[in-house]
PDB file of N, CA and C in Angstrom:
ATOM      1  N   MET A   1      20.359  22.642  -7.122  1.00  0.00           N
ATOM      2  CA  MET A   1      20.261  22.498  -5.618  1.00  0.00           C
ATOM      3  C   MET A   1      21.643  21.972  -5.145  1.00  0.00           C
ATOM      4  N   SER A   2      22.353  22.447  -4.231  1.00  0.00           N
ATOM      5  CA  SER A   2      23.407  22.081  -3.513  1.00  0.00           C
ATOM      6  C   SER A   2      23.111  21.028  -2.386  1.00  0.00           C
ATOM      7  N   THR A   3      24.101  20.187  -2.152  1.00  0.00           N
ATOM      8  CA  THR A   3      24.124  19.318  -1.080  1.00  0.00           C
ATOM      9  C   THR A   3      25.055  19.606   0.077  1.00  0.00           C
ATOM     10  N   VAL A   4      24.750  19.146   1.184  1.00  0.00           N
ATOM     11  CA  VAL A   4      25.602  19.241   2.386  1.00  0.00           C
ATOM     12  C   VAL A   4      25.760  17.826   3.186  1.00  0.00           C
ATOM     13  N   SER A   5      26.804  17.290   3.458  1.00  0.00           N
ATOM     14  CA  SER A   5      26.971  16.314   4.409  1.00  0.00           C
ATOM     15  C   SER A   5      26.890  16.636   5.739  1.00  0.00           C
ATOM     16  N   VAL A   6      25.881  15.811   6.330  1.00  0.00           N
ATOM     17  CA  VAL A   6      25.833  15.889   7.911  1.00  0.00           C
ATOM     18  C   VAL A   6      25.642  14.464   8.588  1.00  0.00           C
ATOM     19  N   ARG A   7      26.142  14.415   9.691  1.00  0.00           N
ATOM     20  CA  ARG A   7      26.089  13.226  10.362  1.00  0.00           C
ATOM     21  C   ARG A   7      24.713  12.943  11.069  1.00  0.00           C
ATOM     22  N   ILE A   8      24.408  11.914  11.017  1.00  0.00           N
ATOM     23  CA  ILE A   8      22.754  11.563  11.551  1.00  0.00           C
ATOM     24  C   ILE A   8      23.011  10.196  12.254  1.00  0.00           C
ATOM     25  N   ASP A   9      22.383  10.043  13.394  1.00  0.00           N
ATOM     26  CA  ASP A   9      22.427   8.899  14.132  1.00  0.00           C
ATOM     27  C   ASP A   9      21.859   7.734  13.393  1.00  0.00           C
ATOM     28  N   GLU A  10      22.634   6.440  13.261  1.00  0.00           N
ATOM     29  CA  GLU A  10      22.204   5.304  12.579  1.00  0.00           C
ATOM     30  C   GLU A  10      20.745   4.926  12.849  1.00  0.00           C
ATOM     31  N   SER A  11      20.101   5.222  13.918  1.00  0.00           N
ATOM     32  CA  SER A  11      18.864   4.625  14.175  1.00  0.00           C
ATOM     33  C   SER A  11      17.837   5.530  13.517  1.00  0.00           C
ATOM     34  N   LEU A  12      18.181   6.815  13.432  1.00  0.00           N
ATOM     35  CA  LEU A  12      17.248   7.773  12.647  1.00  0.00           C
ATOM     36  C   LEU A  12      17.420   7.541  11.082  1.00  0.00           C
ATOM     37  N   VAL A  13      18.601   6.956  10.509  1.00  0.00           N
ATOM     38  CA  VAL A  13      18.705   6.539   9.190  1.00  0.00           C
ATOM     39  C   VAL A  13      17.897   5.417   8.873  1.00  0.00           C
ATOM     40  N   SER A  14      18.074   4.502   9.748  1.00  0.00           N
ATOM     41  CA  SER A  14      17.262   3.118   9.757  1.00  0.00           C
ATOM     42  C   SER A  14      15.759   3.586   9.585  1.00  0.00           C
ATOM     43  N   ALA A  15      15.243   4.270  10.524  1.00  0.00           N
ATOM     44  CA  ALA A  15      13.956   4.752  10.441  1.00  0.00           C
ATOM     45  C   ALA A  15      13.627   5.524   9.276  1.00  0.00           C
ATOM     46  N   ALA A  16      14.268   6.305   8.916  1.00  0.00           N
ATOM     47  CA  ALA A  16      14.146   6.897   7.375  1.00  0.00           C
ATOM     48  C   ALA A  16      14.051   5.935   6.380  1.00  0.00           C
ATOM     49  N   ARG A  17      14.892   5.125   6.378  1.00  0.00           N
ATOM     50  CA  ARG A  17      15.054   4.002   5.371  1.00  0.00           C
ATOM     51  C   ARG A  17      13.672   3.154   5.120  1.00  0.00           C
ATOM     52  N   ALA A  18      13.294   2.909   6.421  1.00  0.00           N
ATOM     53  CA  ALA A  18      11.958   2.121   6.418  1.00  0.00           C
ATOM     54  C   ALA A  18      10.919   2.974   6.051  1.00  0.00           C
ATOM     55  N   ALA A  19      10.572   4.190   6.357  1.00  0.00           N
ATOM     56  CA  ALA A  19       9.768   5.183   6.099  1.00  0.00           C
ATOM     57  C   ALA A  19       9.787   5.551   4.671  1.00  0.00           C
ATOM     58  N   ALA A  20      10.929   5.691   4.049  1.00  0.00           N
ATOM     59  CA  ALA A  20      11.137   5.917   2.674  1.00  0.00           C
ATOM     60  C   ALA A  20      10.432   5.114   1.957  1.00  0.00           C
ATOM     61  N   LYS A  21      10.941   3.734   2.223  1.00  0.00           N
ATOM     62  CA  LYS A  21      10.439   2.583   1.331  1.00  0.00           C
ATOM     63  C   LYS A  21       8.760   2.626   1.301  1.00  0.00           C
ATOM     64  N   ALA A  22       8.282   2.906   2.370  1.00  0.00           N
ATOM     65  CA  ALA A  22       6.777   2.713   2.351  1.00  0.00           C
ATOM     66  C   ALA A  22       6.073   4.046   1.856  1.00  0.00           C
ATOM     67  N   GLU A  23       6.796   5.169   1.649  1.00  0.00           N
ATOM     68  CA  GLU A  23       6.483   6.463   1.141  1.00  0.00           C
ATOM     69  C   GLU A  23       6.900   6.708  -0.258  1.00  0.00           C
ATOM     70  N   PHE A  24       7.668   5.551  -0.909  1.00  0.00           N
ATOM     71  CA  PHE A  24       8.294   5.813  -2.096  1.00  0.00           C
ATOM     72  C   PHE A  24       9.127   6.965  -2.504  1.00  0.00           C
ATOM     73  N   ARG A  25       9.975   7.234  -1.326  1.00  0.00           N
ATOM     74  CA  ARG A  25      10.924   8.349  -1.323  1.00  0.00           C
ATOM     75  C   ARG A  25      12.504   7.748  -1.227  1.00  0.00           C
ATOM     76  N   THR A  26      13.394   8.458  -1.531  1.00  0.00           N
ATOM     77  CA  THR A  26      14.662   8.069  -1.245  1.00  0.00           C
ATOM     78  C   THR A  26      14.878   8.488   0.387  1.00  0.00           C
ATOM     79  N   VAL A  27      15.827   7.811   1.040  1.00  0.00           N
ATOM     80  CA  VAL A  27      16.107   8.313   2.423  1.00  0.00           C
ATOM     81  C   VAL A  27      16.438   9.823   2.562  1.00  0.00           C
ATOM     82  N   GLN A  28      17.151  10.298   1.682  1.00  0.00           N
ATOM     83  CA  GLN A  28      17.481  11.791   1.714  1.00  0.00           C
ATOM     84  C   GLN A  28      16.073  12.517   1.455  1.00  0.00           C
ATOM     85  N   GLY A  29      15.276  12.047   0.750  1.00  0.00           N
ATOM     86  CA  GLY A  29      13.927  12.682   0.592  1.00  0.00           C
ATOM     87  C   GLY A  29      12.960  12.567   1.748  1.00  0.00           C
ATOM     88  N   GLN A  30      13.170  11.281   2.384  1.00  0.00           N
ATOM     89  CA  GLN A  30      12.334  11.157   3.941  1.00  0.00           C
ATOM     90  C   GLN A  30      12.807  12.142   4.884  1.00  0.00           C
ATOM     91  N   VAL A  31      14.128  12.190   5.042  1.00  0.00           N
ATOM     92  CA  VAL A  31      14.743  13.091   5.996  1.00  0.00           C
ATOM     93  C   VAL A  31      14.274  14.404   5.777  1.00  0.00           C
ATOM     94  N   GLU A  32      14.449  14.962   4.578  1.00  0.00           N
ATOM     95  CA  GLU A  32      14.018  16.458   4.086  1.00  0.00           C
ATOM     96  C   GLU A  32      12.694  16.568   4.508  1.00  0.00           C
ATOM     97  N   PHE A  33      11.831  15.501   4.182  1.00  0.00           N
ATOM     98  CA  PHE A  33      10.378  15.586   4.416  1.00  0.00           C
ATOM     99  C   PHE A  33       9.998  15.871   5.980  1.00  0.00           C
ATOM    100  N   TRP A  34      10.649  14.991   6.749  1.00  0.00           N
ATOM    101  CA  TRP A  34      10.483  15.081   8.075  1.00  0.00           C
ATOM    102  C   TRP A  34      10.989  16.538   8.713  1.00  0.00           C
ATOM    103  N   ALA A  35      12.106  16.902   8.012  1.00  0.00           N
ATOM    104  CA  ALA A  35      12.551  18.320   8.492  1.00  0.00           C
ATOM    105  C   ALA A  35      11.469  19.453   8.167  1.00  0.00           C
ATOM    106  N   LYS A  36      10.989  19.242   6.864  1.00  0.00           N
ATOM    107  CA  LYS A  36       9.879  20.246   6.691  1.00  0.00           C
ATOM    108  C   LYS A  36       8.575  20.030   7.440  1.00  0.00           C
ATOM    109  N   VAL A  37       8.363  18.929   7.898  1.00  0.00           N
ATOM    110  CA  VAL A  37       7.099  18.698   8.869  1.00  0.00           C
ATOM    111  C   VAL A  37       7.435  19.333  10.092  1.00  0.00           C
ATOM    112  N   GLY A  38       8.704  18.989  10.816  1.00  0.00           N
ATOM    113  CA  GLY A  38       9.043  19.614  11.895  1.00  0.00           C
ATOM    114  C   GLY A  38       9.158  21.114  11.918  1.00  0.00           C
ATOM    115  N   ARG A  39       9.597  21.758  10.810  1.00  0.00           N
ATOM    116  CA  ARG A  39       9.869  23.133  10.947  1.00  0.00           C
ATOM    117  C   ARG A  39       8.239  23.687  10.604  1.00  0.00           C
ATOM    118  N   ALA A  40       7.457  23.182  10.060  1.00  0.00           N
ATOM    119  CA  ALA A  40       6.133  23.583   9.922  1.00  0.00           C
ATOM    120  C   ALA A  40       5.239  23.418  11.135  1.00  0.00           C
ATOM    121  N   ALA A  41       5.702  22.403  11.972  1.00  0.00           N
ATOM    122  CA  ALA A  41       4.899  22.133  13.160  1.00  0.00           C
ATOM    123  C   ALA A  41       5.503  23.144  14.308  1.00  0.00           C
ATOM    124  N   LEU A  42       6.674  23.487  14.122  1.00  0.00           N
ATOM    125  CA  LEU A  42       7.205  24.469  15.093  1.00  0.00           C
ATOM    126  C   LEU A  42       6.401  25.802  14.878  1.00  0.00           C
ATOM    127  N   ASP A  43       6.393  26.137  13.553  1.00  0.00           N
ATOM    128  CA  ASP A  43       5.757  27.377  13.184  1.00  0.00           C
ATOM    129  C   ASP A  43       4.120  27.320  13.356  1.00  0.00           C
ATOM    130  N   ASN A  44       3.583  26.303  13.570  1.00  0.00           N
ATOM    131  CA  ASN A  44       2.143  26.195  13.562  1.00  0.00           C
ATOM    132  C   ASN A  44       1.835  25.219  14.725  1.00  0.00           C
ATOM    133  N   PRO A  45       2.128  25.573  15.860  1.00  0.00           N
ATOM    134  CA  PRO A  45       2.006  24.530  17.053  1.00  0.00           C
ATOM    135  C   PRO A  45       0.561  24.024  17.361  1.00  0.00           C
ATOM    136  N   ASP A  46      -0.583  24.820  16.642  1.00  0.00           N
ATOM    137  CA  ASP A  46      -1.927  24.496  17.023  1.00  0.00           C
ATOM    138  C   ASP A  46      -2.239  23.410  15.990  1.00  0.00           C
ATOM    139  N   LEU A  47      -1.437  23.007  14.961  1.00  0.00           N
ATOM    140  CA  LEU A  47      -1.950  21.947  13.937  1.00  0.00           C
ATOM    141  C   LEU A  47      -1.444  20.806  14.199  1.00  0.00           C
ATOM    142  N   PRO A  48      -1.978  19.661  14.080  1.00  0.00           N
ATOM    143  CA  PRO A  48      -1.476  18.412  14.259  1.00  0.00           C
ATOM    144  C   PRO A  48      -0.491  18.100  13.090  1.00  0.00           C
ATOM    145  N   ALA A  49       0.526  17.366  13.544  1.00  0.00           N
ATOM    146  CA  ALA A  49       1.673  17.040  12.618  1.00  0.00           C
ATOM    147  C   ALA A  49       1.150  16.040  11.387  1.00  0.00           C
ATOM    148  N   SER A  50      -0.058  15.295  11.648  1.00  0.00           N
ATOM    149  CA  SER A  50      -0.450  14.492  10.549  1.00  0.00           C
ATOM    150  C   SER A  50      -1.080  15.500   9.701  1.00  0.00           C
ATOM    151  N   PHE A  51      -1.789  16.576   9.940  1.00  0.00           N
ATOM    152  CA  PHE A  51      -2.317  17.556   9.098  1.00  0.00           C
ATOM    153  C   PHE A  51      -1.241  18.191   8.346  1.00  0.00           C
ATOM    154  N   ILE A  52      -0.153  18.650   8.932  1.00  0.00           N
ATOM    155  CA  ILE A  52       0.884  19.342   8.206  1.00  0.00           C
ATOM    156  C   ILE A  52       1.485  18.313   7.407  1.00  0.00           C
ATOM    157  N   ALA A  53       1.723  17.093   7.528  1.00  0.00           N
ATOM    158  CA  ALA A  53       2.335  16.218   6.578  1.00  0.00           C
ATOM    159  C   ALA A  53       1.449  15.915   5.486  1.00  0.00           C
ATOM    160  N   GLU A  54       0.284  15.861   5.684  1.00  0.00           N
ATOM    161  CA  GLU A  54      -0.764  15.650   4.604  1.00  0.00           C
ATOM    162  C   GLU A  54      -0.772  16.863   3.660  1.00  0.00           C
ATOM    163  N   SER A  55      -0.885  18.043   4.301  1.00  0.00           N
ATOM    164  CA  SER A  55      -0.879  19.280   3.527  1.00  0.00           C
ATOM    165  C   SER A  55       0.465  19.497   2.604  1.00  0.00           C
ATOM    166  N   LEU A  56       1.749  19.180   3.338  1.00  0.00           N
ATOM    167  CA  LEU A  56       2.841  19.182   2.289  1.00  0.00           C
ATOM    168  C   LEU A  56       2.915  18.190   1.298  1.00  0.00           C
ATOM    169  N   MET A  57       2.272  17.005   1.480  1.00  0.00           N
ATOM    170  CA  MET A  57       2.337  16.179   0.326  1.00  0.00           C
ATOM    171  C   MET A  57       1.223  16.607  -0.679  1.00  0.00           C
ATOM    172  N   SER A  58       0.123  17.081  -0.114  1.00  0.00           N
ATOM    173  CA  SER A  58      -0.947  17.409  -1.208  1.00  0.00           C
ATOM    174  C   SER A  58      -0.356  18.707  -2.139  1.00  0.00           C
ATOM    175  N   MET A  59       0.501  19.512  -1.509  1.00  0.00           N
ATOM    176  CA  MET A  59       1.124  20.793  -2.082  1.00  0.00           C
ATOM    177  C   MET A  59       2.047  20.405  -3.066  1.00  0.00           C
ATOM    178  N   ALA A  60       2.707  19.032  -3.010  1.00  0.00           N
ATOM    179  CA  ALA A  60       3.808  18.547  -3.836  1.00  0.00           C
ATOM    180  C   ALA A  60       3.282  17.806  -5.082  1.00  0.00           C
ATOM    181  N   GLU A  61       1.880  17.533  -4.991  1.00  0.00           N
ATOM    182  CA  GLU A  61       1.320  16.716  -6.136  1.00  0.00           C
ATOM    183  C   GLU A  61       1.208  17.684  -7.312  1.00  0.00           C
ATOM    184  N   PRO A  62       1.378  17.132  -8.519  1.00  0.00           N
ATOM    185  CA  PRO A  62       1.075  17.850  -9.782  1.00  0.00           C
ATOM    186  C   PRO A  62      -0.465  18.349  -9.847  1.00  0.00           C
ATOM    187  N   ARG A  63      -0.476  19.577 -10.269  1.00  0.00           N
ATOM    188  CA  ARG A  63      -1.834  20.013 -10.373  1.00  0.00           C
ATOM    189  C   ARG A  63      -2.920  19.306 -11.218  1.00  0.00           C
ATOM    190  N   GLU A  64      -2.229  18.760 -12.317  1.00  0.00           N
ATOM    191  CA  GLU A  64      -2.998  17.977 -13.174  1.00  0.00           C
ATOM    192  C   GLU A  64      -3.510  16.580 -12.611  1.00  0.00           C
ATOM    193  N   ASP A  65      -2.875  16.065 -11.449  1.00  0.00           N
ATOM    194  CA  ASP A  65      -3.394  14.959 -10.517  1.00  0.00           C
ATOM    195  C   ASP A  65      -4.284  15.166  -9.861  1.00  0.00           C
ATOM    196  N   SER A  66      -4.444  16.530  -9.364  1.00  0.00           N
ATOM    197  CA  SER A  66      -5.458  16.938  -8.264  1.00  0.00           C
ATOM    198  C   SER A  66      -7.044  16.643  -8.781  1.00  0.00           C
ATOM    199  N   THR A  67      -7.731  16.591  -7.826  1.00  0.00           N
ATOM    200  CA  THR A  67      -9.226  16.697  -8.192  1.00  0.00           C
ATOM    201  C   THR A  67      -9.940  17.752  -7.371  1.00  0.00           C
ATOM    202  N   PRO A  68     -10.804  18.480  -7.963  1.00  0.00           N
ATOM    203  CA  PRO A  68     -11.457  19.575  -7.289  1.00  0.00           C
ATOM    204  C   PRO A  68     -12.219  19.139  -6.171  1.00  0.00           C
ATOM    205  N   PHE A  69     -12.311  20.100  -5.269  1.00  0.00           N
ATOM    206  CA  PHE A  69     -12.972  20.075  -4.024  1.00  0.00           C
ATOM    207  C   PHE A  69     -14.513  19.997  -4.319  1.00  0.00           C
ATOM    208  N   VAL A  70     -15.385  19.252  -3.876  1.00  0.00           N
ATOM    209  CA  VAL A  70     -16.940  19.270  -4.018  1.00  0.00           C
ATOM    210  C   VAL A  70     -17.457  18.923  -2.648  1.00  0.00           C
ATOM    211  N   PRO A  71     -18.061  20.102  -2.152  1.00  0.00           N
ATOM    212  CA  PRO A  71     -18.808  19.935  -0.995  1.00  0.00           C
ATOM    213  C   PRO A  71     -19.772  18.800  -1.068  1.00  0.00           C
ATOM    214  N   ARG A  72     -20.015  18.232   0.190  1.00  0.00           N
ATOM    215  CA  ARG A  72     -21.060  17.065   0.122  1.00  0.00           C
ATOM    216  C   ARG A  72     -22.444  17.622  -0.124  1.00  0.00           C
ATOM    217  N   SER A  73     -22.624  18.939   0.284  1.00  0.00           N
ATOM    218  CA  SER A  73     -24.240  19.423  -0.032  1.00  0.00           C
ATOM    219  C   SER A  73     -24.353  19.530  -1.594  1.00  0.00           C
ATOM    220  N   ALA A  74     -23.309  20.055  -2.370  1.00  0.00           N
ATOM    221  CA  ALA A  74     -23.194  20.100  -3.777  1.00  0.00           C
ATOM    222  C   ALA A  74     -23.363  18.809  -4.474  1.00  0.00           C
ATOM    223  N   ALA A  75     -22.652  17.759  -3.843  1.00  0.00           N
ATOM    224  CA  ALA A  75     -22.794  16.450  -4.547  1.00  0.00           C
ATOM    225  C   ALA A  75     -24.241  15.785  -4.683  1.00  0.00           C
ATOM    226  N   ARG A  76     -24.857  16.212  -3.682  1.00  0.00           N
ATOM    227  CA  ARG A  76     -26.351  15.549  -3.496  1.00  0.00           C
ATOM    228  C   ARG A  76     -27.283  16.460  -4.443  1.00  0.00           C
ATOM    229  N   ALA A  77     -27.097  17.351  -4.800  1.00  0.00           N
ATOM    230  CA  ALA A  77     -28.025  18.241  -5.598  1.00  0.00           C
ATOM    231  C   ALA A  77     -28.045  17.747  -7.025  1.00  0.00           C
TER     232      ALA A  77
END
């Protein structure tokens, strides 16, 4: 993967640095994640940004770490 240098406002970098620390990402990874969420939000204006973000995070998880979906009705049976 190639990289490109871009100029970003220092306040955005500071916010990305704080969010990256909380999310265990690099600052670059946090800005990339925000860009993906923003692009997906523009493509899907009916979906809440939080749903998009959670969906992108779950899609990035390794398959072996995932748990199968079990409907509540099946869990009671």
